[in-house]
């Protein structure tokens, strides 16, 4: 069994059944042999973007995320104090706090990140798309 952590864009494209979600990404998410996780950082990012008017159509997901994660077989990863310290201490040129958190959590979970975000893939070798 392999562990995967979804980047926010992968989660959104999964929910929308969007063609932008890579074939390999879709395969690992759909496979019952894998553990797929969503970080609470992604929930925070989606809610923040919705509040600023940069993300629509996510109200139902945000209201029902626990139910939907269970339906999809996803686990939810909480942000731990050590994650915060590690994310803030990362020696990266990339400053997005959500991406930094996903990098740290993927390392902690020994999970591959499901992402096509170049800002992340430049810093993490264990990505799939």
Protein backbone atom coordinates (compact mmCIF):
# COMPACT_ATOMS: atom_id res chain seq x y z
CA UNK A 1 0.00 0.00 0.00
CA UNK A 2 1.28 3.45 -0.93
CA UNK A 3 0.39 6.78 0.68
CA UNK A 4 -0.50 9.90 -1.28
CA UNK A 5 -1.25 13.46 -0.16
CA UNK A 6 -3.38 15.58 -2.48
CA UNK A 7 -2.35 19.09 -3.40
CA UNK A 8 -5.30 21.49 -3.31
CA UNK A 9 -5.49 21.69 -7.11
CA UNK A 10 -5.60 17.88 -7.35
CA UNK A 11 -8.41 17.78 -4.78
CA UNK A 12 -10.43 20.42 -6.64
CA UNK A 13 -9.97 18.71 -10.00
CA UNK A 14 -10.89 15.35 -8.43
CA UNK A 15 -14.12 16.86 -7.05
CA UNK A 16 -14.97 18.39 -10.42
CA UNK A 17 -13.96 15.24 -12.36
CA UNK A 18 -11.91 17.69 -14.42
CA UNK A 19 -9.76 16.55 -17.34
CA UNK A 20 -6.86 18.60 -15.90
CA UNK A 21 -6.31 15.87 -13.31
CA UNK A 22 -3.49 13.73 -14.67
CA UNK A 23 -4.12 10.10 -15.60
CA UNK A 24 -1.52 8.78 -13.16
CA UNK A 25 -2.98 10.99 -10.42
CA UNK A 26 -6.48 9.72 -11.11
CA UNK A 27 -5.27 6.10 -11.03
CA UNK A 28 -3.56 6.43 -7.63
CA UNK A 29 -6.57 8.26 -6.15
CA UNK A 30 -9.01 5.64 -7.43
CA UNK A 31 -6.95 2.64 -6.35
CA UNK A 32 -8.27 0.98 -3.18
CA UNK A 33 -4.71 -0.26 -2.55
CA UNK A 34 -3.54 3.29 -1.83
CA UNK A 35 -4.11 5.60 1.10
CA UNK A 36 -5.14 9.05 -0.11
CA UNK A 37 -5.02 11.96 2.31
CA UNK A 38 -6.18 15.57 2.28
CA UNK A 39 -4.48 18.10 4.51
CA UNK A 40 -6.50 20.49 6.62
CA UNK A 41 -4.24 23.09 4.96
CA UNK A 42 -6.12 22.42 1.71
CA UNK A 43 -9.45 22.97 3.45
CA UNK A 44 -8.10 26.25 4.83
CA UNK A 45 -6.79 27.28 1.40
CA UNK A 46 -10.11 26.50 -0.34
CA UNK A 47 -12.12 28.37 2.32
CA UNK A 48 -9.76 31.36 2.12
CA UNK A 49 -10.01 31.53 -1.67
CA UNK A 50 -13.79 31.23 -1.52
CA UNK A 51 -13.96 34.10 0.99
CA UNK A 52 -11.87 36.29 -1.33
CA UNK A 53 -14.08 35.42 -4.31
CA UNK A 54 -11.37 33.43 -6.07
CA UNK A 55 -13.10 30.05 -5.75
CA UNK A 56 -16.78 29.31 -6.29
CA UNK A 57 -18.75 26.09 -6.21
CA UNK A 58 -17.02 24.76 -3.10
CA UNK A 59 -19.63 25.57 -0.44
CA UNK A 60 -21.09 22.06 -0.47
CA UNK A 61 -17.64 20.49 -0.26
CA UNK A 62 -16.62 22.68 2.67
CA UNK A 63 -19.87 21.94 4.50
CA UNK A 64 -19.65 18.18 3.84
CA UNK A 65 -15.91 17.52 3.60
CA UNK A 66 -15.91 14.82 6.30
CA UNK A 67 -18.74 12.92 4.64
CA UNK A 68 -17.19 13.30 1.18
CA UNK A 69 -13.73 12.23 2.32
CA UNK A 70 -15.26 9.10 3.84
CA UNK A 71 -17.19 8.41 0.61
CA UNK A 72 -14.03 8.81 -1.47
CA UNK A 73 -11.90 6.81 0.98
CA UNK A 74 -9.72 9.81 1.89
CA UNK A 75 -8.19 10.46 5.28
CA UNK A 76 -7.83 13.97 6.65
CA UNK A 77 -4.45 15.06 7.99
CA UNK A 78 -4.45 17.65 10.75
CA UNK A 79 -1.79 20.31 11.00
CA UNK A 80 0.45 19.53 13.96
CA UNK A 81 2.62 21.99 15.87
CA UNK A 82 5.78 20.30 14.56
CA UNK A 83 4.44 20.71 10.99
CA UNK A 84 4.12 24.46 11.56
CA UNK A 85 7.68 24.76 12.85
CA UNK A 86 9.04 22.62 10.00
CA UNK A 87 7.09 24.51 7.31
CA UNK A 88 8.28 27.85 8.63
CA UNK A 89 11.86 26.59 8.79
CA UNK A 90 12.03 25.08 5.29
CA UNK A 91 14.90 26.49 3.33
CA UNK A 92 13.00 27.11 0.08
CA UNK A 93 12.59 30.06 -2.21
CA UNK A 94 8.87 29.18 -2.40
CA UNK A 95 6.84 31.14 0.16
CA UNK A 96 3.28 29.84 -0.26
CA UNK A 97 2.36 28.68 3.27
CA UNK A 98 -0.10 26.05 2.04
CA UNK A 99 2.43 24.47 -0.31
CA UNK A 100 5.10 24.55 2.39
CA UNK A 101 2.71 22.74 4.74
CA UNK A 102 1.94 20.07 2.15
CA UNK A 103 5.65 19.46 1.57
CA UNK A 104 6.26 19.03 5.31
CA UNK A 105 3.23 16.80 5.82
CA UNK A 106 4.11 14.60 2.86
CA UNK A 107 7.55 14.10 4.38
CA UNK A 108 6.07 13.31 7.80
CA UNK A 109 3.60 10.83 6.32
CA UNK A 110 6.19 9.41 3.93
CA UNK A 111 3.60 10.07 1.22
CA UNK A 112 3.95 11.10 -2.39
CA UNK A 113 2.38 14.44 -3.29
CA UNK A 114 -0.26 14.40 -6.00
CA UNK A 115 0.46 17.68 -7.75
CA UNK A 116 1.35 19.35 -11.02
CA UNK A 117 2.45 22.55 -9.27
CA UNK A 118 6.00 23.34 -10.44
CA UNK A 119 6.62 25.35 -7.29
CA UNK A 120 6.18 22.12 -5.32
CA UNK A 121 7.70 19.60 -7.72
CA UNK A 122 10.95 21.61 -7.79
CA UNK A 123 11.34 20.88 -4.08
CA UNK A 124 9.83 17.41 -3.71
CA UNK A 125 10.98 14.43 -5.73
CA UNK A 126 8.16 12.10 -4.71
CA UNK A 127 5.34 13.64 -6.75
CA UNK A 128 2.85 12.03 -9.12
CA UNK A 129 0.67 13.58 -11.77
